[in-house]
N, C-alpha and C. Protein backbone atom coordinates (compact mmCIF):
# COMPACT_ATOMS: atom_id res chain seq x y z
N UNK A 1 10.50 -7.25 51.01
CA UNK A 1 10.90 -6.74 49.56
C UNK A 1 9.89 -5.98 48.94
N UNK A 2 10.38 -5.12 48.06
CA UNK A 2 9.54 -4.20 47.31
C UNK A 2 8.75 -4.86 46.18
N UNK A 3 7.59 -4.54 46.01
CA UNK A 3 6.98 -5.18 44.85
C UNK A 3 7.09 -4.41 43.61
N UNK A 4 6.69 -4.81 42.48
CA UNK A 4 6.80 -4.21 41.22
C UNK A 4 6.44 -2.81 41.09
N UNK A 5 5.25 -2.48 41.58
CA UNK A 5 4.79 -1.26 41.57
C UNK A 5 5.53 -0.15 42.31
N UNK A 6 6.08 -0.63 43.49
CA UNK A 6 6.92 0.30 44.27
C UNK A 6 8.22 0.63 43.50
N UNK A 7 8.76 -0.41 43.02
CA UNK A 7 9.93 -0.35 42.20
C UNK A 7 9.87 0.62 40.98
N UNK A 8 8.72 0.44 40.37
CA UNK A 8 8.49 1.41 39.27
C UNK A 8 8.40 2.85 39.64
N UNK A 9 7.74 3.06 40.80
CA UNK A 9 7.59 4.42 41.30
C UNK A 9 8.94 4.96 41.70
N UNK A 10 9.85 4.11 42.25
CA UNK A 10 11.10 4.61 42.58
C UNK A 10 11.98 4.91 41.37
N UNK A 11 11.91 4.02 40.47
CA UNK A 11 12.66 4.20 39.23
C UNK A 11 12.18 5.63 38.59
N UNK A 12 10.86 5.80 38.61
CA UNK A 12 10.33 7.01 38.03
C UNK A 12 10.95 8.22 38.80
N UNK A 13 10.95 8.22 40.04
CA UNK A 13 11.46 9.27 40.88
C UNK A 13 12.97 9.56 40.64
N UNK A 14 13.59 8.46 40.33
CA UNK A 14 15.06 8.59 40.16
C UNK A 14 15.40 9.20 38.78
N UNK A 15 14.47 8.99 37.81
CA UNK A 15 14.59 9.55 36.50
C UNK A 15 14.40 10.98 36.60
N UNK A 16 13.37 11.46 37.42
CA UNK A 16 13.18 12.80 37.63
C UNK A 16 14.42 13.60 38.29
N UNK A 17 14.88 12.78 39.38
CA UNK A 17 16.08 13.25 40.01
C UNK A 17 17.25 13.47 39.02
N UNK A 18 17.39 12.63 37.93
CA UNK A 18 18.53 12.89 37.04
C UNK A 18 18.24 14.13 36.31
N UNK A 19 17.07 14.51 35.88
CA UNK A 19 16.81 15.68 35.21
C UNK A 19 16.94 16.93 36.16
N UNK A 20 16.51 16.74 37.30
CA UNK A 20 16.75 17.86 38.38
C UNK A 20 18.17 18.09 38.52
N UNK A 21 19.11 17.15 38.61
CA UNK A 21 20.55 17.31 38.74
C UNK A 21 21.06 18.06 37.63
N UNK A 22 20.70 17.62 36.38
CA UNK A 22 21.10 18.19 35.04
C UNK A 22 20.74 19.76 35.15
N UNK A 23 19.57 20.06 35.50
CA UNK A 23 19.23 21.53 35.73
C UNK A 23 20.06 22.17 36.78
N UNK A 24 20.27 21.54 37.76
CA UNK A 24 21.19 22.15 38.80
C UNK A 24 22.48 22.51 38.19
N UNK A 25 23.19 21.43 37.44
CA UNK A 25 24.40 21.69 36.82
C UNK A 25 24.41 22.75 35.91
N UNK A 26 23.25 23.00 35.23
CA UNK A 26 23.09 24.06 34.19
C UNK A 26 23.04 25.57 34.92
N UNK A 27 22.24 25.52 35.89
CA UNK A 27 22.02 26.84 36.60
C UNK A 27 23.01 27.17 37.68
N UNK A 28 23.60 26.21 38.30
CA UNK A 28 24.55 26.56 39.51
C UNK A 28 26.01 26.55 38.82
N UNK A 29 26.32 25.63 37.83
CA UNK A 29 27.67 25.56 37.34
C UNK A 29 27.79 26.12 35.89
N UNK A 30 26.73 26.62 35.29
CA UNK A 30 26.82 27.23 34.02
C UNK A 30 27.18 26.13 32.83
N UNK A 31 26.80 24.92 33.03
CA UNK A 31 26.90 23.97 32.00
C UNK A 31 25.84 23.90 31.03
N UNK A 32 25.87 24.71 29.97
CA UNK A 32 24.79 24.90 29.07
C UNK A 32 24.53 23.45 28.26
N UNK A 33 23.23 23.17 28.26
CA UNK A 33 22.78 21.95 27.63
C UNK A 33 22.71 22.13 26.19
N UNK A 34 23.32 21.16 25.29
CA UNK A 34 23.29 21.09 23.99
C UNK A 34 22.03 20.26 23.51
N UNK A 35 21.76 20.33 22.23
CA UNK A 35 20.52 19.52 21.79
C UNK A 35 20.49 18.04 22.26
N UNK A 36 21.67 17.45 22.26
CA UNK A 36 21.70 16.02 22.63
C UNK A 36 21.38 15.86 24.11
N UNK A 37 21.83 16.95 24.98
CA UNK A 37 21.46 16.79 26.37
C UNK A 37 20.00 16.90 26.58
N UNK A 38 19.42 17.88 25.81
CA UNK A 38 17.97 18.14 25.95
C UNK A 38 17.10 16.83 25.60
N UNK A 39 17.62 16.18 24.44
CA UNK A 39 16.91 15.00 24.19
C UNK A 39 17.04 13.92 25.34
N UNK A 40 18.30 13.89 25.94
CA UNK A 40 18.48 12.92 27.07
C UNK A 40 17.46 13.30 28.30
N UNK A 41 17.31 14.60 28.41
CA UNK A 41 16.29 14.92 29.53
C UNK A 41 15.03 14.48 29.21
N UNK A 42 14.51 14.66 27.86
CA UNK A 42 13.10 14.18 27.53
C UNK A 42 13.17 12.66 27.73
N UNK A 43 14.14 11.93 27.35
CA UNK A 43 14.15 10.54 27.58
C UNK A 43 13.96 10.06 29.05
N UNK A 44 14.66 10.78 29.91
CA UNK A 44 14.44 10.47 31.38
C UNK A 44 13.11 10.84 31.86
N UNK A 45 12.58 11.99 31.38
CA UNK A 45 11.37 12.50 31.76
C UNK A 45 10.22 11.56 31.21
N UNK A 46 10.38 11.00 30.01
CA UNK A 46 9.41 10.14 29.41
C UNK A 46 9.47 8.81 30.18
N UNK A 47 10.61 8.32 30.51
CA UNK A 47 10.78 7.06 31.36
C UNK A 47 10.14 7.32 32.71
N UNK A 48 10.40 8.43 33.37
CA UNK A 48 9.77 8.67 34.67
C UNK A 48 8.35 8.77 34.72
N UNK A 49 7.77 9.41 33.71
CA UNK A 49 6.29 9.47 33.66
C UNK A 49 5.76 8.15 33.41
N UNK A 50 6.38 7.32 32.50
CA UNK A 50 5.86 6.10 32.17
C UNK A 50 5.93 5.08 33.33
N UNK A 51 7.03 5.11 34.15
CA UNK A 51 7.13 4.34 35.27
C UNK A 51 6.06 4.76 36.37
N UNK A 52 5.94 5.98 36.56
CA UNK A 52 4.86 6.40 37.56
C UNK A 52 3.40 5.97 37.19
N UNK A 53 3.20 6.08 35.79
CA UNK A 53 1.83 5.61 35.29
C UNK A 53 1.75 4.11 35.48
N UNK A 54 2.83 3.44 35.30
CA UNK A 54 2.78 2.03 35.34
C UNK A 54 2.58 1.53 36.79
N UNK A 55 3.19 2.31 37.68
CA UNK A 55 2.99 1.99 39.11
C UNK A 55 1.61 2.23 39.52
N UNK A 56 0.87 3.08 38.91
CA UNK A 56 -0.52 3.35 39.30
C UNK A 56 -1.38 2.32 38.94
N UNK A 57 -1.15 1.52 37.86
CA UNK A 57 -1.98 0.46 37.40
C UNK A 57 -1.59 -0.88 37.71
N UNK A 58 -2.59 -1.87 37.75
CA UNK A 58 -2.25 -3.14 38.22
C UNK A 58 -1.47 -4.06 37.29
N UNK A 59 -1.53 -3.75 35.90
CA UNK A 59 -0.70 -4.42 34.98
C UNK A 59 0.25 -3.36 34.36
N UNK A 60 1.47 -3.32 34.76
CA UNK A 60 2.44 -2.23 34.36
C UNK A 60 3.18 -2.54 33.10
N UNK A 61 2.74 -3.69 32.36
CA UNK A 61 3.53 -4.01 31.18
C UNK A 61 3.76 -2.88 30.18
N UNK A 62 2.60 -2.21 29.71
CA UNK A 62 2.73 -1.10 28.81
C UNK A 62 3.64 -0.04 29.36
N UNK A 63 3.58 0.45 30.57
CA UNK A 63 4.38 1.39 31.09
C UNK A 63 5.86 0.97 31.06
N UNK A 64 6.16 -0.34 31.38
CA UNK A 64 7.51 -0.78 31.36
C UNK A 64 8.10 -0.79 29.93
N UNK A 65 7.25 -1.04 29.00
CA UNK A 65 7.59 -1.04 27.61
C UNK A 65 7.99 0.38 27.16
N UNK A 66 7.01 1.38 27.49
CA UNK A 66 7.31 2.73 27.10
C UNK A 66 8.53 3.30 27.87
N UNK A 67 8.72 3.08 29.20
CA UNK A 67 9.83 3.52 29.84
C UNK A 67 11.14 2.79 29.18
N UNK A 68 11.09 1.57 28.77
CA UNK A 68 12.19 0.97 28.20
C UNK A 68 12.60 1.66 26.77
N UNK A 69 11.50 1.96 25.99
CA UNK A 69 11.78 2.64 24.83
C UNK A 69 12.43 4.08 24.97
N UNK A 70 11.98 4.68 26.02
CA UNK A 70 12.52 6.09 26.31
C UNK A 70 14.02 5.93 26.71
N UNK A 71 14.33 5.02 27.56
CA UNK A 71 15.55 4.77 28.03
C UNK A 71 16.51 4.28 26.79
N UNK A 72 16.01 3.48 25.85
CA UNK A 72 16.72 3.00 24.69
C UNK A 72 17.03 4.28 23.83
N UNK A 73 16.03 5.11 23.64
CA UNK A 73 16.29 6.39 22.90
C UNK A 73 17.29 7.20 23.57
N UNK A 74 17.41 7.30 24.83
CA UNK A 74 18.31 7.94 25.65
C UNK A 74 19.72 7.41 25.39
N UNK A 75 19.88 6.01 25.42
CA UNK A 75 21.09 5.30 25.17
C UNK A 75 21.60 5.72 23.82
N UNK A 76 20.87 5.64 22.92
CA UNK A 76 21.21 6.01 21.57
C UNK A 76 21.78 7.52 21.53
N UNK A 77 21.06 8.30 22.12
CA UNK A 77 21.42 9.84 22.04
C UNK A 77 22.79 9.96 22.85
N UNK A 78 22.87 9.38 23.99
CA UNK A 78 24.17 9.66 24.77
C UNK A 78 25.30 8.94 24.03
N UNK A 79 24.96 7.85 23.26
CA UNK A 79 26.16 7.21 22.48
C UNK A 79 26.57 8.16 21.37
N UNK A 80 25.62 8.75 20.76
CA UNK A 80 25.98 9.87 19.73
C UNK A 80 26.78 10.98 20.36
N UNK A 81 26.44 11.43 21.51
CA UNK A 81 27.03 12.52 22.31
C UNK A 81 28.42 12.07 22.64
N UNK A 82 28.59 10.96 23.09
CA UNK A 82 30.04 10.45 23.50
C UNK A 82 30.89 10.34 22.15
N UNK A 83 30.40 9.88 21.02
CA UNK A 83 30.99 9.82 19.76
C UNK A 83 31.35 11.24 19.31
N UNK A 84 30.47 12.23 19.41
CA UNK A 84 30.84 13.63 19.17
C UNK A 84 31.98 14.04 20.00
N UNK A 85 32.15 13.76 21.31
CA UNK A 85 33.09 14.09 22.09
C UNK A 85 34.37 13.40 21.74
N UNK A 86 34.37 12.21 21.23
CA UNK A 86 35.63 11.42 20.88
C UNK A 86 36.15 11.88 19.55
N UNK A 87 35.41 12.62 18.71
CA UNK A 87 35.76 13.03 17.48
C UNK A 87 35.74 14.70 17.49
N UNK A 88 36.88 15.13 17.87
CA UNK A 88 36.83 16.70 17.87
C UNK A 88 36.66 17.30 16.52
N UNK A 89 35.94 18.52 16.50
CA UNK A 89 35.73 18.97 15.16
C UNK A 89 34.33 18.59 14.54
N UNK A 90 33.79 17.54 15.10
CA UNK A 90 32.45 17.07 14.61
C UNK A 90 31.51 17.66 15.81
N UNK A 91 30.52 18.39 15.43
CA UNK A 91 29.57 18.87 16.34
C UNK A 91 28.17 18.88 15.88
N UNK A 92 27.24 18.79 16.88
CA UNK A 92 25.82 18.92 16.54
C UNK A 92 25.49 20.43 16.26
N UNK A 93 26.30 21.24 16.96
CA UNK A 93 26.13 22.71 16.85
C UNK A 93 24.76 23.21 16.57
N UNK A 94 24.68 24.37 15.81
CA UNK A 94 23.34 24.82 15.43
C UNK A 94 22.90 24.10 14.26
N UNK A 95 21.94 23.22 14.40
CA UNK A 95 21.40 22.35 13.43
C UNK A 95 19.93 22.35 13.46
N UNK A 96 19.34 21.59 12.59
CA UNK A 96 17.92 21.45 12.61
C UNK A 96 17.38 20.93 13.89
N UNK A 97 18.06 20.00 14.55
CA UNK A 97 17.64 19.38 15.78
C UNK A 97 17.49 20.54 16.83
N UNK A 98 18.47 21.41 16.97
CA UNK A 98 18.36 22.43 17.96
C UNK A 98 17.21 23.29 17.64
N UNK A 99 17.11 23.70 16.37
CA UNK A 99 15.89 24.66 15.96
C UNK A 99 14.68 24.03 16.33
N UNK A 100 14.33 22.62 16.04
CA UNK A 100 13.29 21.94 16.32
C UNK A 100 13.02 22.01 17.80
N UNK A 101 14.06 21.55 18.73
CA UNK A 101 13.80 21.40 20.13
C UNK A 101 13.58 22.80 20.70
N UNK A 102 14.18 23.89 20.24
CA UNK A 102 13.94 25.15 20.83
C UNK A 102 12.62 25.76 20.40
N UNK A 103 11.91 25.24 19.32
CA UNK A 103 10.70 25.74 19.06
C UNK A 103 9.46 24.95 19.67
N UNK A 104 9.78 23.83 20.35
CA UNK A 104 8.88 23.09 21.06
C UNK A 104 8.11 23.94 22.14
N UNK A 105 6.88 23.79 22.48
CA UNK A 105 6.28 24.60 23.48
C UNK A 105 6.97 24.41 24.88
N UNK A 106 7.53 23.30 25.12
CA UNK A 106 8.27 22.92 26.42
C UNK A 106 9.40 24.03 26.50
N UNK A 107 10.04 24.36 25.38
CA UNK A 107 11.26 25.05 25.42
C UNK A 107 10.91 26.51 25.84
N UNK A 108 9.74 27.04 25.42
CA UNK A 108 9.34 28.40 25.80
C UNK A 108 8.67 28.44 27.16
N UNK A 109 8.01 27.35 27.52
CA UNK A 109 7.27 27.35 28.83
C UNK A 109 8.40 27.14 30.01
N UNK A 110 9.28 26.35 29.81
CA UNK A 110 10.38 26.03 30.86
C UNK A 110 11.70 26.00 30.15
N UNK A 111 12.21 27.25 29.75
CA UNK A 111 13.55 27.39 29.17
C UNK A 111 14.71 26.88 29.90
N UNK A 112 14.54 26.93 31.30
CA UNK A 112 15.75 26.50 32.04
C UNK A 112 15.84 24.87 32.10
N UNK A 113 14.81 24.23 31.65
CA UNK A 113 14.92 22.74 31.52
C UNK A 113 15.15 22.22 29.99
N UNK A 114 14.45 23.03 29.10
CA UNK A 114 14.35 22.41 27.81
C UNK A 114 14.89 23.30 26.63
N UNK A 115 15.61 24.39 26.94
CA UNK A 115 16.15 25.21 25.96
C UNK A 115 17.59 24.72 25.62
N UNK A 116 17.88 24.35 24.36
CA UNK A 116 19.25 23.98 24.01
C UNK A 116 19.98 25.04 23.58
N UNK A 117 20.99 25.48 24.32
CA UNK A 117 21.95 26.70 23.94
C UNK A 117 23.37 26.44 24.21
N UNK A 118 23.69 25.07 24.30
CA UNK A 118 25.21 24.78 24.39
C UNK A 118 25.56 24.08 23.18
N UNK A 119 26.76 23.79 23.12
CA UNK A 119 27.49 23.00 21.95
C UNK A 119 27.89 21.62 22.50
N UNK A 120 27.54 20.66 21.72
CA UNK A 120 27.82 19.30 22.12
C UNK A 120 29.27 18.96 22.32
N UNK A 121 30.14 19.38 21.53
CA UNK A 121 31.52 19.11 21.67
C UNK A 121 32.25 19.83 22.89
N UNK A 122 31.53 20.64 23.47
CA UNK A 122 32.15 21.38 24.57
C UNK A 122 31.74 20.83 25.94
N UNK A 123 31.07 19.63 25.95
CA UNK A 123 30.57 18.98 27.22
C UNK A 123 31.72 18.13 27.74
N UNK A 124 32.92 18.87 27.99
CA UNK A 124 34.11 18.00 28.44
C UNK A 124 34.43 18.29 29.89
N UNK A 125 33.69 19.29 30.54
CA UNK A 125 33.95 19.64 31.92
C UNK A 125 33.75 18.38 32.90
N UNK A 126 34.73 18.10 33.69
CA UNK A 126 34.63 16.88 34.50
C UNK A 126 33.89 17.08 35.81
N UNK A 127 33.19 16.07 36.28
CA UNK A 127 32.50 15.99 37.43
C UNK A 127 32.92 14.54 38.04
N UNK A 128 33.59 14.65 39.17
CA UNK A 128 34.06 13.47 39.79
C UNK A 128 34.87 12.55 38.80
N UNK A 129 35.63 13.18 37.98
CA UNK A 129 36.49 12.50 37.05
C UNK A 129 35.96 12.18 35.67
N UNK A 130 34.54 12.25 35.46
CA UNK A 130 33.96 11.94 34.28
C UNK A 130 33.25 13.20 33.70
N UNK A 131 33.07 13.20 32.36
CA UNK A 131 32.29 14.26 31.89
C UNK A 131 30.79 13.88 32.01
N UNK A 132 29.90 14.88 31.83
CA UNK A 132 28.44 14.75 32.11
C UNK A 132 27.89 13.69 31.21
N UNK A 133 28.09 13.63 29.82
CA UNK A 133 27.64 12.60 29.04
C UNK A 133 27.91 11.16 29.45
N UNK A 134 29.14 10.98 29.95
CA UNK A 134 29.51 9.62 30.60
C UNK A 134 28.73 9.35 31.72
N UNK A 135 28.49 10.34 32.65
CA UNK A 135 27.57 10.07 33.70
C UNK A 135 26.17 9.66 33.26
N UNK A 136 25.78 10.44 32.25
CA UNK A 136 24.32 10.19 31.65
C UNK A 136 24.34 8.74 31.19
N UNK A 137 25.36 8.32 30.37
CA UNK A 137 25.42 6.86 29.91
C UNK A 137 25.34 5.94 31.03
N UNK A 138 26.00 6.19 32.20
CA UNK A 138 25.97 5.29 33.36
C UNK A 138 24.54 5.21 33.91
N UNK A 139 23.91 6.44 33.93
CA UNK A 139 22.55 6.61 34.47
C UNK A 139 21.53 5.77 33.59
N UNK A 140 21.67 5.93 32.29
CA UNK A 140 20.78 5.16 31.40
C UNK A 140 21.02 3.61 31.45
N UNK A 141 22.27 3.29 31.69
CA UNK A 141 22.56 1.81 31.88
C UNK A 141 21.86 1.35 33.19
N UNK A 142 22.00 2.06 34.29
CA UNK A 142 21.46 1.76 35.60
C UNK A 142 19.90 1.67 35.44
N UNK A 143 19.35 2.65 34.91
CA UNK A 143 17.88 2.56 34.85
C UNK A 143 17.46 1.39 33.86
N UNK A 144 18.11 1.16 32.92
CA UNK A 144 17.66 0.05 31.96
C UNK A 144 17.79 -1.22 32.72
N UNK A 145 18.79 -1.36 33.53
CA UNK A 145 18.96 -2.61 34.43
C UNK A 145 17.84 -2.67 35.31
N UNK A 146 17.53 -1.52 36.02
CA UNK A 146 16.41 -1.48 36.96
C UNK A 146 15.22 -1.97 36.26
N UNK A 147 14.94 -1.41 35.20
CA UNK A 147 13.57 -1.68 34.36
C UNK A 147 13.55 -3.24 34.03
N UNK A 148 14.76 -3.74 33.62
CA UNK A 148 14.84 -5.16 33.31
C UNK A 148 14.51 -6.01 34.55
N UNK A 149 15.15 -5.69 35.62
CA UNK A 149 14.94 -6.46 36.87
C UNK A 149 13.43 -6.37 37.42
N UNK A 150 12.91 -5.11 37.19
CA UNK A 150 11.53 -4.96 37.53
C UNK A 150 10.53 -5.66 36.63
N UNK A 151 10.91 -5.76 35.41
CA UNK A 151 10.09 -6.57 34.51
C UNK A 151 10.12 -8.00 34.81
N UNK A 152 11.35 -8.51 35.12
CA UNK A 152 11.55 -10.01 35.55
C UNK A 152 10.80 -10.32 36.83
N UNK A 153 10.81 -9.33 37.80
CA UNK A 153 10.13 -9.55 38.96
C UNK A 153 8.59 -9.67 38.71
N UNK A 154 8.08 -8.95 37.83
CA UNK A 154 6.54 -9.04 37.54
C UNK A 154 6.15 -10.37 36.85
N UNK A 155 7.18 -10.96 36.13
CA UNK A 155 6.91 -12.26 35.44
C UNK A 155 6.84 -13.37 36.42
N UNK A 156 7.36 -13.37 37.63
CA UNK A 156 7.34 -14.30 38.61
C UNK A 156 6.00 -14.59 39.12
């Protein structure tokens, strides 16, 4: 069976994989990311980095906590995204959040990953029957479950 540190490393790599897949959808299928999508990418990247750092140390509690907070932020963000999709006419559109995100150094250094240039309410394109925000919600739920199980494993 895998120990806690190996599980954390695996969770971190899965989080990076989710971001890589989002970038693939953007570049290959022209699904432009909105500000809420970009925040979700930051949440997955933050959780991934925290998990990998936690895996590198003998006491991973702090890393688990940071990863959990990142995932919680992602869940709140994807919940808002799903709410926007459920209420046509309401959009995050061009707002201070988009301006703030697009002025971060990461947006200019890696625009293919961090530049928000889509509209939240247009994220309705289906992938295997579900829209991308719904898949993101599922991914956040699975990662949060994996973090919880990893934390419990460490308490034994």
